[in-house]
């Protein structure tokens, strides 16, 4: 029996094959395009994240620089009072270290003079700056707070010594407490003064310099307790 071929069936199969190829091509192209777009979006997101990170780091750096500047300005601002506290407390300590506790214990006028002098020690600037102590390092903030507290303590013990009656060892005990309080003031002021000088140096400003030997001698002559005369 002869075999007959249907042209329509062949054409139909050919069209279906080509349609499948076209569809596969389009699907593949779409997948490639989607991959390209996804990759591009991922890179854009990565660049955005990098930019945001750089901006955050730059903001943090600016914030740190601002805090450092404010801390330096704070230290420079309190430097004159800190140096004055260091100098004045040193003068009173030299009086006590010259074995003149008995004079302090026995003479009302001496106790009054010392109490008046200690009451005049600057403290207002320290009290105001204490509110901004968080700008400083933990160590410097602690020194600032302790110095302000030590000045208040020195004022209190010196004031109490004024009404003291020189009975027994009470006078010497009061002298010890006043000396101890002034030692704390001097030690803290000395340490904080060095930090203030460093801050001034970083800012490039001229900080009040420490008194040299000649100025210290002049300060001594003008102080409450002048240098004892040599016979």
Protein backbone atom coordinates (compact mmCIF):
# COMPACT_ATOMS: atom_id res chain seq x y z
CA UNK A 1 0.00 0.00 0.00
CA UNK A 2 1.47 3.37 -0.92
CA UNK A 3 2.33 5.80 1.98
CA UNK A 4 0.84 9.26 1.72
CA UNK A 5 2.47 12.29 3.48
CA UNK A 6 0.30 15.11 4.78
CA UNK A 7 1.93 18.48 4.09
CA UNK A 8 -0.24 20.18 6.69
CA UNK A 9 1.00 17.89 9.47
CA UNK A 10 4.61 18.61 8.58
CA UNK A 11 3.99 22.33 8.54
CA UNK A 12 2.16 22.17 11.83
CA UNK A 13 5.01 20.30 13.51
CA UNK A 14 7.58 22.72 12.13
CA UNK A 15 5.67 25.75 13.44
CA UNK A 16 5.27 24.17 16.87
CA UNK A 17 8.99 23.42 17.02
CA UNK A 18 9.89 26.94 16.04
CA UNK A 19 7.43 28.36 18.54
CA UNK A 20 8.99 26.29 21.31
CA UNK A 21 12.43 27.52 20.30
CA UNK A 22 11.25 31.12 20.28
CA UNK A 23 9.57 30.74 23.66
CA UNK A 24 12.67 29.12 25.13
CA UNK A 25 14.81 31.92 23.70
CA UNK A 26 12.51 34.57 25.13
CA UNK A 27 12.44 32.87 28.52
CA UNK A 28 16.22 32.60 28.53
CA UNK A 29 16.57 36.22 27.48
CA UNK A 30 14.15 37.28 30.19
CA UNK A 31 16.11 35.32 32.78
CA UNK A 32 19.38 36.86 31.61
CA UNK A 33 17.81 40.32 31.73
CA UNK A 34 16.37 39.71 35.18
CA UNK A 35 19.76 38.49 36.37
CA UNK A 36 21.42 41.58 34.90
CA UNK A 37 18.89 43.91 36.49
CA UNK A 38 19.10 42.08 39.84
CA UNK A 39 22.88 42.24 39.78
CA UNK A 40 22.76 45.92 38.88
CA UNK A 41 20.32 46.63 41.70
CA UNK A 42 22.48 44.65 44.12
CA UNK A 43 25.55 46.67 43.10
CA UNK A 44 23.58 49.90 43.45
CA UNK A 45 22.41 48.83 46.91
CA UNK A 46 25.99 47.94 47.84
CA UNK A 47 27.26 51.34 46.67
CA UNK A 48 24.47 53.02 48.60
CA UNK A 49 25.42 51.10 51.73
CA UNK A 50 29.08 51.99 51.23
CA UNK A 51 28.17 55.65 50.79
CA UNK A 52 25.97 55.58 53.88
CA UNK A 53 28.75 53.91 55.84
CA UNK A 54 31.27 56.51 54.69
CA UNK A 55 28.87 59.30 55.62
CA UNK A 56 28.28 57.72 59.02
CA UNK A 57 32.00 57.37 59.62
CA UNK A 58 32.56 60.96 58.51
CA UNK A 59 29.78 62.12 60.85
CA UNK A 60 31.28 60.15 63.71
CA UNK A 61 34.70 61.64 63.00
CA UNK A 62 33.26 65.16 62.93
CA UNK A 63 31.44 64.46 66.19
CA UNK A 64 34.64 63.18 67.82
CA UNK A 65 36.59 66.20 66.61
CA UNK A 66 33.88 68.53 67.92
CA UNK A 67 33.90 66.82 71.32
CA UNK A 68 37.68 66.96 71.42
CA UNK A 69 37.60 70.66 70.60
CA UNK A 70 34.97 71.33 73.28
CA UNK A 71 37.02 69.36 75.81
CA UNK A 72 40.14 71.37 74.98
CA UNK A 73 38.23 74.64 75.24
CA UNK A 74 36.83 73.53 78.58
CA UNK A 75 40.31 72.81 79.94
CA UNK A 76 41.73 76.08 78.63
CA UNK A 77 38.81 77.94 80.19
CA UNK A 78 39.43 76.57 83.68
CA UNK A 79 43.23 76.82 83.44
CA UNK A 80 43.61 80.26 85.12
CA UNK A 81 41.60 79.17 88.16
CA UNK A 82 43.32 75.79 88.32
CA UNK A 83 46.73 77.43 88.27
CA UNK A 84 45.63 79.90 90.93
CA UNK A 85 44.41 77.05 93.14
CA UNK A 86 47.71 75.27 92.69
CA UNK A 87 49.74 78.37 93.61
CA UNK A 88 47.65 79.48 96.57
CA UNK A 89 47.34 76.01 98.09
CA UNK A 90 51.10 75.61 97.73
CA UNK A 91 51.69 78.84 99.66
CA UNK A 92 49.52 77.70 102.55
CA UNK A 93 51.16 74.28 102.56
CA UNK A 94 54.60 75.85 102.76
CA UNK A 95 53.39 77.68 105.84
CA UNK A 96 52.30 74.43 107.51
CA UNK A 97 55.39 72.54 106.36
CA UNK A 98 57.54 75.17 108.05
CA UNK A 99 56.40 73.63 111.36
CA UNK A 100 54.08 76.51 112.19
CA UNK A 101 51.11 74.38 113.19
CA UNK A 102 51.37 75.59 116.77
CA UNK A 103 51.04 79.20 115.61
CA UNK A 104 47.93 78.21 113.67
CA UNK A 105 46.53 76.39 116.69
CA UNK A 106 47.14 79.19 119.16
CA UNK A 107 46.45 82.39 117.22
CA UNK A 108 42.88 83.25 116.31
CA UNK A 109 44.07 85.90 113.85
CA UNK A 110 46.13 83.36 111.90
CA UNK A 111 43.25 80.91 111.65
CA UNK A 112 40.99 83.73 110.52
CA UNK A 113 43.47 84.87 107.87
CA UNK A 114 43.82 81.37 106.49
CA UNK A 115 40.08 80.80 106.51
CA UNK A 116 39.51 84.09 104.67
CA UNK A 117 42.17 83.19 102.12
CA UNK A 118 40.77 79.72 101.51
CA UNK A 119 37.27 81.14 101.16
CA UNK A 120 38.56 83.35 98.34
CA UNK A 121 39.88 80.38 96.38
CA UNK A 122 38.10 80.28 93.00
CA UNK A 123 35.43 77.64 92.66
CA UNK A 124 32.62 79.11 90.52
CA UNK A 125 34.28 78.21 87.21
CA UNK A 126 34.95 74.67 88.40
CA UNK A 127 31.34 74.25 89.51
CA UNK A 128 30.05 75.42 86.12
CA UNK A 129 32.55 73.30 84.18
CA UNK A 130 31.60 70.24 86.19
CA UNK A 131 28.30 70.19 84.29
CA UNK A 132 30.31 69.58 81.09
CA UNK A 133 32.72 67.09 82.57
CA UNK A 134 31.30 64.38 80.28
CA UNK A 135 33.31 65.97 77.46
CA UNK A 136 36.53 64.95 79.19
CA UNK A 137 38.11 61.57 79.66
CA UNK A 138 37.03 59.64 82.73
CA UNK A 139 40.29 60.46 84.51
CA UNK A 140 40.15 64.21 83.80
CA UNK A 141 36.45 64.40 84.59
CA UNK A 142 37.15 62.71 87.92
CA UNK A 143 39.99 65.12 88.69
CA UNK A 144 37.77 68.11 87.89
CA UNK A 145 34.96 66.90 90.13
CA UNK A 146 37.37 65.95 92.92
CA UNK A 147 39.14 69.31 92.75
CA UNK A 148 35.88 71.21 93.14
CA UNK A 149 34.92 68.98 96.07
CA UNK A 150 38.38 69.39 97.65
CA UNK A 151 38.14 73.17 97.53
CA UNK A 152 34.76 73.02 99.24
CA UNK A 153 36.20 70.68 101.86
CA UNK A 154 39.16 73.00 102.47
CA UNK A 155 36.80 75.92 102.91
CA UNK A 156 34.73 73.98 105.41
CA UNK A 157 37.60 72.77 107.61
CA UNK A 158 39.30 76.18 107.53
CA UNK A 159 36.04 77.87 108.56
CA UNK A 160 35.53 75.40 111.42
CA UNK A 161 39.04 76.07 112.66
CA UNK A 162 38.24 79.78 113.16
CA UNK A 163 35.96 79.14 116.15
CA UNK A 164 38.36 76.61 117.64
CA UNK A 165 39.49 77.04 121.23
CA UNK A 166 43.16 76.03 121.53
CA UNK A 167 42.57 73.38 124.20
CA UNK A 168 44.81 70.33 124.31
CA UNK A 169 45.56 68.84 120.91
CA UNK A 170 42.44 70.25 119.27
CA UNK A 171 44.39 73.06 117.66
CA UNK A 172 47.02 70.74 116.18
CA UNK A 173 44.31 68.37 114.98
CA UNK A 174 42.55 71.24 113.22
CA UNK A 175 45.83 72.29 111.65
CA UNK A 176 46.31 68.74 110.37
CA UNK A 177 42.86 68.66 108.79
CA UNK A 178 43.38 72.03 107.08
CA UNK A 179 46.79 70.95 105.82
CA UNK A 180 45.41 67.64 104.55
CA UNK A 181 42.59 69.39 102.69
CA UNK A 182 45.02 71.83 101.08
CA UNK A 183 47.30 68.97 100.04
CA UNK A 184 44.39 67.40 98.16
CA UNK A 185 43.64 70.71 96.43
CA UNK A 186 47.28 71.18 95.45
CA UNK A 187 47.75 67.65 94.14
CA UNK A 188 44.60 67.67 92.02
CA UNK A 189 45.21 71.20 90.74
CA UNK A 190 48.76 70.27 89.75
CA UNK A 191 47.64 67.22 87.76
CA UNK A 192 44.79 69.07 86.09
CA UNK A 193 47.06 72.00 85.27
CA UNK A 194 49.26 69.76 83.11
CA UNK A 195 46.21 68.59 81.14
CA UNK A 196 45.13 72.21 80.67
CA UNK A 197 48.54 73.12 79.27
CA UNK A 198 48.42 70.22 76.83
CA UNK A 199 44.96 71.29 75.67
CA UNK A 200 46.18 74.84 75.10
CA UNK A 201 49.13 73.51 73.11
CA UNK A 202 46.83 71.42 70.90
CA UNK A 203 44.65 74.44 70.19
CA UNK A 204 47.69 76.55 69.43
CA UNK A 205 46.81 79.21 71.99
CA UNK A 206 49.01 80.80 74.59
CA UNK A 207 48.14 79.38 77.97
CA UNK A 208 49.07 81.23 81.17
CA UNK A 209 52.56 80.03 81.94
CA UNK A 210 53.61 78.83 85.34
CA UNK A 211 55.39 81.28 87.56
CA UNK A 212 59.14 81.00 87.27
CA UNK A 213 61.32 81.20 90.37
CA UNK A 214 61.51 84.98 90.37
CA UNK A 215 57.74 85.37 90.06
CA UNK A 216 57.21 82.79 92.78
CA UNK A 217 59.41 84.77 95.14
CA UNK A 218 57.45 87.91 94.33
CA UNK A 219 54.21 86.01 94.90
CA UNK A 220 55.57 84.78 98.22
CA UNK A 221 56.36 88.32 99.39
CA UNK A 222 52.83 89.40 98.52
CA UNK A 223 51.18 86.33 99.97
CA UNK A 224 49.48 85.96 103.31
CA UNK A 225 52.53 84.43 104.92
CA UNK A 226 55.70 86.20 103.74
CA UNK A 227 59.01 84.42 103.71
CA UNK A 228 60.58 84.47 107.21
CA UNK A 229 63.34 87.01 107.58
CA UNK A 230 66.83 85.72 108.11
CA UNK A 231 68.63 87.07 111.11
